[in-house]
C-alpha atoms as a PDB file:
ATOM      1  CA  UNK A   1      15.156   2.050 -16.893  1.00  0.00           C
ATOM      2  CA  UNK A   2      12.480  -0.569 -17.415  1.00  0.00           C
ATOM      3  CA  UNK A   3      12.701  -4.340 -17.365  1.00  0.00           C
ATOM      4  CA  UNK A   4       9.171  -5.322 -18.302  1.00  0.00           C
ATOM      5  CA  UNK A   5      10.515  -7.828 -20.809  1.00  0.00           C
ATOM      6  CA  UNK A   6      12.469  -9.617 -18.052  1.00  0.00           C
ATOM      7  CA  UNK A   7       9.593  -9.620 -15.579  1.00  0.00           C
ATOM      8  CA  UNK A   8       6.751 -11.605 -17.034  1.00  0.00           C
ATOM      9  CA  UNK A   9       4.093 -13.017 -14.718  1.00  0.00           C
ATOM     10  CA  UNK A  10       4.978 -16.062 -12.615  1.00  0.00           C
ATOM     11  CA  UNK A  11       3.253 -19.273 -13.591  1.00  0.00           C
ATOM     12  CA  UNK A  12       0.162 -19.577 -11.399  1.00  0.00           C
ATOM     13  CA  UNK A  13       0.636 -16.131  -9.842  1.00  0.00           C
ATOM     14  CA  UNK A  14      -1.096 -13.647 -12.093  1.00  0.00           C
ATOM     15  CA  UNK A  15      -0.982  -9.876 -11.785  1.00  0.00           C
ATOM     16  CA  UNK A  16      -4.354  -8.173 -11.376  1.00  0.00           C
ATOM     17  CA  UNK A  17      -4.970  -5.923 -14.427  1.00  0.00           C
ATOM     18  CA  UNK A  18      -6.276  -3.305 -12.025  1.00  0.00           C
ATOM     19  CA  UNK A  19      -2.642  -2.592 -11.216  1.00  0.00           C
ATOM     20  CA  UNK A  20      -0.759  -3.536 -14.399  1.00  0.00           C
ATOM     21  CA  UNK A  21      -2.955  -1.364 -16.645  1.00  0.00           C
ATOM     22  CA  UNK A  22      -2.365   1.686 -14.485  1.00  0.00           C
ATOM     23  CA  UNK A  23      -5.984   2.140 -13.363  1.00  0.00           C
ATOM     24  CA  UNK A  24      -5.087   1.968  -9.669  1.00  0.00           C
ATOM     25  CA  UNK A  25      -2.494   4.720 -10.063  1.00  0.00           C
ATOM     26  CA  UNK A  26      -4.398   6.932 -12.474  1.00  0.00           C
ATOM     27  CA  UNK A  27      -3.479   9.528  -9.857  1.00  0.00           C
ATOM     28  CA  UNK A  28       0.305   8.974  -9.587  1.00  0.00           C
ATOM     29  CA  UNK A  29       0.357  10.683  -6.169  1.00  0.00           C
ATOM     30  CA  UNK A  30      -2.140   8.257  -4.615  1.00  0.00           C
ATOM     31  CA  UNK A  31      -1.374   7.939  -0.870  1.00  0.00           C
ATOM     32  CA  UNK A  32       1.857   9.916  -1.231  1.00  0.00           C
ATOM     33  CA  UNK A  33       0.869  11.937   1.839  1.00  0.00           C
ATOM     34  CA  UNK A  34       1.417   8.858   4.019  1.00  0.00           C
ATOM     35  CA  UNK A  35       5.003   8.297   2.873  1.00  0.00           C
ATOM     36  CA  UNK A  36       6.586   9.979   5.886  1.00  0.00           C
ATOM     37  CA  UNK A  37       4.343   8.050   8.285  1.00  0.00           C
ATOM     38  CA  UNK A  38       5.137   4.660   6.749  1.00  0.00           C
ATOM     39  CA  UNK A  39       8.862   5.195   6.294  1.00  0.00           C
ATOM     40  CA  UNK A  40       9.351   6.633   9.797  1.00  0.00           C
ATOM     41  CA  UNK A  41       7.522   3.727  11.454  1.00  0.00           C
ATOM     42  CA  UNK A  42       9.506   1.209   9.411  1.00  0.00           C
ATOM     43  CA  UNK A  43      12.864   2.825  10.149  1.00  0.00           C
ATOM     44  CA  UNK A  44      12.043   3.030  13.863  1.00  0.00           C
ATOM     45  CA  UNK A  45      12.157  -0.766  14.035  1.00  0.00           C
ATOM     46  CA  UNK A  46      14.483  -1.565  11.114  1.00  0.00           C
ATOM     47  CA  UNK A  47      17.515   0.610  11.939  1.00  0.00           C
ATOM     48  CA  UNK A  48      17.839  -0.694  15.539  1.00  0.00           C
ATOM     49  CA  UNK A  49      17.514  -4.257  14.192  1.00  0.00           C
ATOM     50  CA  UNK A  50      20.370  -3.665  11.727  1.00  0.00           C
ATOM     51  CA  UNK A  51      22.565  -2.065  14.375  1.00  0.00           C
ATOM     52  CA  UNK A  52      21.859  -4.736  17.021  1.00  0.00           C
ATOM     53  CA  UNK A  53      22.988  -7.422  14.642  1.00  0.00           C
ATOM     54  CA  UNK A  54      25.813  -5.450  13.022  1.00  0.00           C
ATOM     55  CA  UNK A  55      24.407  -6.209   9.586  1.00  0.00           C
ATOM     56  CA  UNK A  56      25.887  -5.010   6.321  1.00  0.00           C
ATOM     57  CA  UNK A  57      23.153  -3.893   3.936  1.00  0.00           C
ATOM     58  CA  UNK A  58      24.245  -3.655   0.321  1.00  0.00           C
ATOM     59  CA  UNK A  59      20.915  -3.686  -1.500  1.00  0.00           C
ATOM     60  CA  UNK A  60      17.241  -2.993  -0.821  1.00  0.00           C
ATOM     61  CA  UNK A  61      14.192  -3.403  -3.049  1.00  0.00           C
ATOM     62  CA  UNK A  62      10.751  -1.969  -2.367  1.00  0.00           C
ATOM     63  CA  UNK A  63       8.128  -4.205  -3.990  1.00  0.00           C
ATOM     64  CA  UNK A  64       5.010  -2.368  -5.133  1.00  0.00           C
ATOM     65  CA  UNK A  65       6.644   1.015  -4.584  1.00  0.00           C
ATOM     66  CA  UNK A  66       3.607   3.061  -5.638  1.00  0.00           C
ATOM     67  CA  UNK A  67       4.489   6.743  -5.793  1.00  0.00           C
ATOM     68  CA  UNK A  68       8.097   5.943  -4.898  1.00  0.00           C
ATOM     69  CA  UNK A  69       8.066   8.382  -1.997  1.00  0.00           C
ATOM     70  CA  UNK A  70       8.375   5.777   0.772  1.00  0.00           C
ATOM     71  CA  UNK A  71      11.433   4.072  -0.695  1.00  0.00           C
ATOM     72  CA  UNK A  72      13.005   7.457  -1.440  1.00  0.00           C
ATOM     73  CA  UNK A  73      12.679   8.463   2.215  1.00  0.00           C
ATOM     74  CA  UNK A  74      14.141   5.106   3.274  1.00  0.00           C
ATOM     75  CA  UNK A  75      17.069   5.583   0.883  1.00  0.00           C
ATOM     76  CA  UNK A  76      17.757   9.063   2.255  1.00  0.00           C
ATOM     77  CA  UNK A  77      17.615   7.789   5.838  1.00  0.00           C
ATOM     78  CA  UNK A  78      20.000   4.919   5.092  1.00  0.00           C
ATOM     79  CA  UNK A  79      22.519   7.402   3.705  1.00  0.00           C
ATOM     80  CA  UNK A  80      22.176   9.690   6.728  1.00  0.00           C
ATOM     81  CA  UNK A  81      22.733   6.682   9.012  1.00  0.00           C
ATOM     82  CA  UNK A  82      25.979   5.663   7.327  1.00  0.00           C
ATOM     83  CA  UNK A  83      24.672   3.162   4.768  1.00  0.00           C
ATOM     84  CA  UNK A  84      25.726   5.300   1.838  1.00  0.00           C
ATOM     85  CA  UNK A  85      26.612   2.459  -0.547  1.00  0.00           C
ATOM     86  CA  UNK A  86      23.234   0.675  -0.524  1.00  0.00           C
ATOM     87  CA  UNK A  87      21.710   0.062  -3.949  1.00  0.00           C
ATOM     88  CA  UNK A  88      18.020   0.981  -3.603  1.00  0.00           C
ATOM     89  CA  UNK A  89      15.393  -0.049  -6.159  1.00  0.00           C
ATOM     90  CA  UNK A  90      11.636   0.349  -6.412  1.00  0.00           C
ATOM     91  CA  UNK A  91       9.579  -2.174  -8.387  1.00  0.00           C
ATOM     92  CA  UNK A  92       5.982  -1.731  -9.503  1.00  0.00           C
ATOM     93  CA  UNK A  93       3.811  -3.382 -12.156  1.00  0.00           C
ATOM     94  CA  UNK A  94       1.929  -0.124 -12.799  1.00  0.00           C
ATOM     95  CA  UNK A  95       3.165   1.854 -15.838  1.00  0.00           C
ATOM     96  CA  UNK A  96       3.268   5.124 -13.905  1.00  0.00           C
ATOM     97  CA  UNK A  97       6.522   3.999 -12.257  1.00  0.00           C
ATOM     98  CA  UNK A  98       8.376   4.733 -15.506  1.00  0.00           C
ATOM     99  CA  UNK A  99       7.860   8.447 -14.877  1.00  0.00           C
ATOM    100  CA  UNK A 100       9.222   8.536 -11.317  1.00  0.00           C
ATOM    101  CA  UNK A 101      12.595  10.199 -10.891  1.00  0.00           C
ATOM    102  CA  UNK A 102      14.311  10.380  -7.499  1.00  0.00           C
ATOM    103  CA  UNK A 103      18.038  10.587  -6.941  1.00  0.00           C
ATOM    104  CA  UNK A 104      19.497   7.544  -5.248  1.00  0.00           C
ATOM    105  CA  UNK A 105      16.667   5.188  -6.280  1.00  0.00           C
ATOM    106  CA  UNK A 106      16.203   3.187  -9.490  1.00  0.00           C
ATOM    107  CA  UNK A 107      12.575   2.558 -10.451  1.00  0.00           C
ATOM    108  CA  UNK A 108      11.681  -0.496 -12.517  1.00  0.00           C
ATOM    109  CA  UNK A 109       8.446  -1.394 -14.274  1.00  0.00           C
ATOM    110  CA  UNK A 110       8.125  -5.103 -13.623  1.00  0.00           C
ATOM    111  CA  UNK A 111       7.411  -7.954 -11.266  1.00  0.00           C
ATOM    112  CA  UNK A 112      10.184  -8.398  -8.718  1.00  0.00           C
ATOM    113  CA  UNK A 113       9.061 -11.990  -8.097  1.00  0.00           C
ATOM    114  CA  UNK A 114       9.748 -12.842 -11.734  1.00  0.00           C
ATOM    115  CA  UNK A 115      13.083 -11.036 -11.892  1.00  0.00           C
ATOM    116  CA  UNK A 116      16.573 -12.504 -11.559  1.00  0.00           C
ATOM    117  CA  UNK A 117      17.472 -10.027  -8.825  1.00  0.00           C
ATOM    118  CA  UNK A 118      18.629 -11.069  -5.344  1.00  0.00           C
ATOM    119  CA  UNK A 119      18.974  -8.461  -2.571  1.00  0.00           C
ATOM    120  CA  UNK A 120      19.736  -8.204   1.108  1.00  0.00           C
ATOM    121  CA  UNK A 121      16.409  -6.601   2.042  1.00  0.00           C
ATOM    122  CA  UNK A 122      12.973  -6.459   0.421  1.00  0.00           C
ATOM    123  CA  UNK A 123      10.166  -4.254   1.730  1.00  0.00           C
ATOM    124  CA  UNK A 124       6.446  -4.533   0.998  1.00  0.00           C
ATOM    125  CA  UNK A 125       4.345  -1.662   2.286  1.00  0.00           C
ATOM    126  CA  UNK A 126       0.594  -2.360   2.165  1.00  0.00           C
ATOM    127  CA  UNK A 127       1.046  -4.850  -0.682  1.00  0.00           C
ATOM    128  CA  UNK A 128       0.236  -8.410   0.442  1.00  0.00           C
ATOM    129  CA  UNK A 129      -3.430  -7.652   1.119  1.00  0.00           C
ATOM    130  CA  UNK A 130      -3.889  -6.788  -2.583  1.00  0.00           C
ATOM    131  CA  UNK A 131      -2.520 -10.067  -3.941  1.00  0.00           C
ATOM    132  CA  UNK A 132      -4.388 -13.339  -4.623  1.00  0.00           C
ATOM    133  CA  UNK A 133      -2.550 -16.532  -3.635  1.00  0.00           C
ATOM    134  CA  UNK A 134      -0.842 -14.491  -0.944  1.00  0.00           C
ATOM    135  CA  UNK A 135       1.328 -17.209   0.576  1.00  0.00           C
ATOM    136  CA  UNK A 136       2.830 -18.155  -2.781  1.00  0.00           C
ATOM    137  CA  UNK A 137       3.444 -14.477  -3.522  1.00  0.00           C
ATOM    138  CA  UNK A 138       5.296 -13.989  -0.237  1.00  0.00           C
ATOM    139  CA  UNK A 139       7.321 -17.149  -0.895  1.00  0.00           C
ATOM    140  CA  UNK A 140       8.266 -15.913  -4.363  1.00  0.00           C
ATOM    141  CA  UNK A 141       9.415 -12.546  -3.005  1.00  0.00           C
ATOM    142  CA  UNK A 142      11.291 -14.270  -0.168  1.00  0.00           C
ATOM    143  CA  UNK A 143      13.322 -16.362  -2.607  1.00  0.00           C
ATOM    144  CA  UNK A 144      15.015 -13.146  -3.752  1.00  0.00           C
ATOM    145  CA  UNK A 145      16.154 -11.693  -0.430  1.00  0.00           C
ATOM    146  CA  UNK A 146      17.581 -12.495   3.001  1.00  0.00           C
ATOM    147  CA  UNK A 147      15.434 -10.135   5.065  1.00  0.00           C
ATOM    148  CA  UNK A 148      11.864  -9.211   4.175  1.00  0.00           C
ATOM    149  CA  UNK A 149       9.856  -6.467   5.854  1.00  0.00           C
ATOM    150  CA  UNK A 150       6.167  -5.653   5.724  1.00  0.00           C
ATOM    151  CA  UNK A 151       3.642  -2.993   6.580  1.00  0.00           C
ATOM    152  CA  UNK A 152       0.321  -4.829   6.906  1.00  0.00           C
ATOM    153  CA  UNK A 153      -3.054  -3.173   7.617  1.00  0.00           C
ATOM    154  CA  UNK A 154      -5.150  -4.880  10.278  1.00  0.00           C
ATOM    155  CA  UNK A 155      -8.597  -4.625   8.723  1.00  0.00           C
ATOM    156  CA  UNK A 156     -10.265  -7.392  10.735  1.00  0.00           C
ATOM    157  CA  UNK A 157     -11.776  -5.219  13.476  1.00  0.00           C
ATOM    158  CA  UNK A 158     -15.157  -5.032  15.183  1.00  0.00           C
ATOM    159  CA  UNK A 159     -15.654  -1.605  13.624  1.00  0.00           C
ATOM    160  CA  UNK A 160     -15.203  -2.931  10.089  1.00  0.00           C
ATOM    161  CA  UNK A 161     -17.253  -6.056  10.760  1.00  0.00           C
ATOM    162  CA  UNK A 162     -20.287  -4.205  12.170  1.00  0.00           C
ATOM    163  CA  UNK A 163     -20.345  -1.731   9.269  1.00  0.00           C
ATOM    164  CA  UNK A 164     -19.548  -4.407   6.657  1.00  0.00           C
ATOM    165  CA  UNK A 165     -16.496  -2.343   5.798  1.00  0.00           C
ATOM    166  CA  UNK A 166     -14.850  -5.276   4.062  1.00  0.00           C
ATOM    167  CA  UNK A 167     -17.026  -4.638   1.013  1.00  0.00           C
ATOM    168  CA  UNK A 168     -15.777  -1.054   0.826  1.00  0.00           C
ATOM    169  CA  UNK A 169     -12.174  -2.245   1.129  1.00  0.00           C
ATOM    170  CA  UNK A 170     -12.736  -4.699  -1.717  1.00  0.00           C
ATOM    171  CA  UNK A 171     -14.297  -2.126  -4.005  1.00  0.00           C
ATOM    172  CA  UNK A 172     -12.427   1.076  -3.190  1.00  0.00           C
ATOM    173  CA  UNK A 173      -8.877   0.083  -2.263  1.00  0.00           C
ATOM    174  CA  UNK A 174      -8.631  -3.473  -3.581  1.00  0.00           C
ATOM    175  CA  UNK A 175      -7.982  -5.325  -0.337  1.00  0.00           C
ATOM    176  CA  UNK A 176      -8.507  -9.071  -0.796  1.00  0.00           C
ATOM    177  CA  UNK A 177      -7.208 -10.182   2.586  1.00  0.00           C
ATOM    178  CA  UNK A 178      -8.517  -9.044   5.975  1.00  0.00           C
ATOM    179  CA  UNK A 179      -6.183  -9.734   8.864  1.00  0.00           C
ATOM    180  CA  UNK A 180      -5.724  -9.127  12.559  1.00  0.00           C
ATOM    181  CA  UNK A 181      -2.321  -9.194  14.266  1.00  0.00           C
ATOM    182  CA  UNK A 182      -2.315 -12.938  14.987  1.00  0.00           C
ATOM    183  CA  UNK A 183      -3.443 -13.970  11.509  1.00  0.00           C
ATOM    184  CA  UNK A 184      -0.874 -11.619   9.935  1.00  0.00           C
ATOM    185  CA  UNK A 185       1.956 -13.218  11.894  1.00  0.00           C
ATOM    186  CA  UNK A 186       0.588 -16.691  11.170  1.00  0.00           C
ATOM    187  CA  UNK A 187       0.399 -15.888   7.454  1.00  0.00           C
ATOM    188  CA  UNK A 188       4.114 -15.075   7.383  1.00  0.00           C
ATOM    189  CA  UNK A 189       4.956 -18.292   9.222  1.00  0.00           C
ATOM    190  CA  UNK A 190       2.858 -20.282   6.734  1.00  0.00           C
ATOM    191  CA  UNK A 191       4.897 -18.628   3.975  1.00  0.00           C
ATOM    192  CA  UNK A 192       8.100 -20.011   5.512  1.00  0.00           C
ATOM    193  CA  UNK A 193       9.344 -16.854   7.225  1.00  0.00           C
ATOM    194  CA  UNK A 194      10.815 -16.466  10.674  1.00  0.00           C
ATOM    195  CA  UNK A 195       9.449 -13.292  12.230  1.00  0.00           C
ATOM    196  CA  UNK A 196      12.114 -11.489  14.248  1.00  0.00           C
ATOM    197  CA  UNK A 197      10.265  -8.392  15.400  1.00  0.00           C
ATOM    198  CA  UNK A 198       7.067  -6.450  14.872  1.00  0.00           C
ATOM    199  CA  UNK A 199       5.476  -3.240  16.037  1.00  0.00           C
ATOM    200  CA  UNK A 200       2.019  -1.715  15.778  1.00  0.00           C
ATOM    201  CA  UNK A 201       1.569   1.468  13.756  1.00  0.00           C
ATOM    202  CA  UNK A 202      -1.417   3.770  14.055  1.00  0.00           C
ATOM    203  CA  UNK A 203      -2.831   4.639  10.677  1.00  0.00           C
ATOM    204  CA  UNK A 204      -5.438   6.904  12.227  1.00  0.00           C
ATOM    205  CA  UNK A 205      -2.578   9.348  12.893  1.00  0.00           C
ATOM    206  CA  UNK A 206      -1.442   9.353   9.244  1.00  0.00           C
ATOM    207  CA  UNK A 207      -2.672  12.102   6.871  1.00  0.00           C
ATOM    208  CA  UNK A 208      -5.118   9.735   5.158  1.00  0.00           C
ATOM    209  CA  UNK A 209      -6.288   8.273   8.479  1.00  0.00           C
ATOM    210  CA  UNK A 210      -8.395  11.211   9.621  1.00  0.00           C
ATOM    211  CA  UNK A 211      -9.816  12.810   6.511  1.00  0.00           C
ATOM    212  CA  UNK A 212     -13.476  11.873   6.889  1.00  0.00           C
ATOM    213  CA  UNK A 213     -15.796  13.387   9.486  1.00  0.00           C
ATOM    214  CA  UNK A 214     -16.280   9.991  11.132  1.00  0.00           C
ATOM    215  CA  UNK A 215     -12.541   9.339  11.396  1.00  0.00           C
ATOM    216  CA  UNK A 216     -11.994  12.802  12.926  1.00  0.00           C
ATOM    217  CA  UNK A 217     -14.664  12.083  15.554  1.00  0.00           C
ATOM    218  CA  UNK A 218     -13.105   8.689  16.299  1.00  0.00           C
ATOM    219  CA  UNK A 219      -9.528   9.989  16.501  1.00  0.00           C
ATOM    220  CA  UNK A 220      -9.395  10.860  20.245  1.00  0.00           C
ATOM    221  CA  UNK A 221     -11.109   7.579  21.176  1.00  0.00           C
ATOM    222  CA  UNK A 222      -8.666   5.618  19.026  1.00  0.00           C
ATOM    223  CA  UNK A 223      -5.770   7.489  20.578  1.00  0.00           C
ATOM    224  CA  UNK A 224      -6.880   6.595  24.118  1.00  0.00           C
ATOM    225  CA  UNK A 225      -7.469   2.932  23.280  1.00  0.00           C
ATOM    226  CA  UNK A 226      -4.094   2.751  21.494  1.00  0.00           C
ATOM    227  CA  UNK A 227      -2.396   3.988  24.665  1.00  0.00           C
ATOM    228  CA  UNK A 228      -4.129   1.266  26.679  1.00  0.00           C
ATOM    229  CA  UNK A 229      -3.508  -1.581  24.196  1.00  0.00           C
ATOM    230  CA  UNK A 230      -2.603  -1.461  20.485  1.00  0.00           C
ATOM    231  CA  UNK A 231      -4.069  -4.963  20.111  1.00  0.00           C
ATOM    232  CA  UNK A 232      -7.364  -3.797  21.636  1.00  0.00           C
ATOM    233  CA  UNK A 233      -7.481  -0.888  19.194  1.00  0.00           C
ATOM    234  CA  UNK A 234      -6.833  -3.197  16.234  1.00  0.00           C
ATOM    235  CA  UNK A 235      -9.669  -5.509  17.290  1.00  0.00           C
ATOM    236  CA  UNK A 236     -12.270  -2.854  18.160  1.00  0.00           C
ATOM    237  CA  UNK A 237     -12.100   0.629  16.607  1.00  0.00           C
ATOM    238  CA  UNK A 238      -9.469  -0.271  14.014  1.00  0.00           C
ATOM    239  CA  UNK A 239      -6.873   2.090  12.601  1.00  0.00           C
ATOM    240  CA  UNK A 240      -3.797  -0.038  13.342  1.00  0.00           C
ATOM    241  CA  UNK A 241      -1.276  -1.875  11.185  1.00  0.00           C
ATOM    242  CA  UNK A 242       1.847  -3.960  11.753  1.00  0.00           C
ATOM    243  CA  UNK A 243       5.442  -3.355  10.724  1.00  0.00           C
ATOM    244  CA  UNK A 244       7.158  -6.748  10.604  1.00  0.00           C
ATOM    245  CA  UNK A 245      10.785  -7.827  10.107  1.00  0.00           C
ATOM    246  CA  UNK A 246      11.306 -11.447   9.068  1.00  0.00           C
ATOM    247  CA  UNK A 247      14.153 -13.667   7.937  1.00  0.00           C
ATOM    248  CA  UNK A 248      13.682 -15.690   4.766  1.00  0.00           C
ATOM    249  CA  UNK A 249      14.768 -19.324   4.316  1.00  0.00           C
ATOM    250  CA  UNK A 250      17.844 -18.132   2.420  1.00  0.00           C
ATOM    251  CA  UNK A 251      18.605 -15.668   5.207  1.00  0.00           C
ATOM    252  CA  UNK A 252      18.356 -18.458   7.772  1.00  0.00           C
ATOM    253  CA  UNK A 253      20.642 -20.638   5.667  1.00  0.00           C
ATOM    254  CA  UNK A 254      23.243 -17.871   5.580  1.00  0.00           C
ATOM    255  CA  UNK A 255      23.024 -17.537   9.363  1.00  0.00           C
ATOM    256  CA  UNK A 256      23.748 -21.262   9.728  1.00  0.00           C
ATOM    257  CA  UNK A 257      26.664 -21.185   7.313  1.00  0.00           C
ATOM    258  CA  UNK A 258      28.263 -18.119   8.861  1.00  0.00           C
ATOM    259  CA  UNK A 259      27.706 -19.217  12.446  1.00  0.00           C
ATOM    260  CA  UNK A 260      26.461 -15.713  13.178  1.00  0.00           C
ATOM    261  CA  UNK A 261      24.007 -16.963  15.788  1.00  0.00           C
ATOM    262  CA  UNK A 262      20.438 -15.752  16.200  1.00  0.00           C
ATOM    263  CA  UNK A 263      19.408 -12.411  14.802  1.00  0.00           C
ATOM    264  CA  UNK A 264      17.489 -10.418  17.345  1.00  0.00           C
END
């Protein structure tokens, strides 16, 4: 199913043709090897959050779903954890998404932020750093959900700065935003979100995180520093990201109306 006709670009928030023309996903399996890493780290923080707060999850959308493998693994895990009636959808503006077929997940070619859909949970894995006018983008996505979750790479490290790695990120992977942990959390607050919880993830342990010779040499050093302090790793050698769970303004409004207290 496609809804491209219903999902035209938002006024003032344009979609980069690099993604909408399909160039970025000319290889439809791009980064699919990291799906288990991303989904497992997300679920490690998300499932306890849901259970602590006794939340009922009826719908989940993954925005910028890419290969579709991450959201498929999340859907399977939700079912195995008793959430077997959750409607799970993956949105992407890249045409390749029309060819993805996974049971239990509907994939839609279109812009979630321009849709008329409203869901309980939205997830954005390594998406916000690719988007111009990032705060407005996050606000637009937040208008369509109660809980919004992110996986955000922390590119602003000493390692990247010394080697001028930001240029490579711009050219090769399309990162427009370079964040550390504090600026990532601040960004979400500026977008009107209330962060509930976050956790560091270690991308250097993912399949794509130790492919080059240099990254293989750095792996044991990164591992040791990560054990000492994830923040220190993110600021020096790099190779860390954040998983974040946040409540949107509409989610906060529902909390007030229901008298459910503070989500934790």
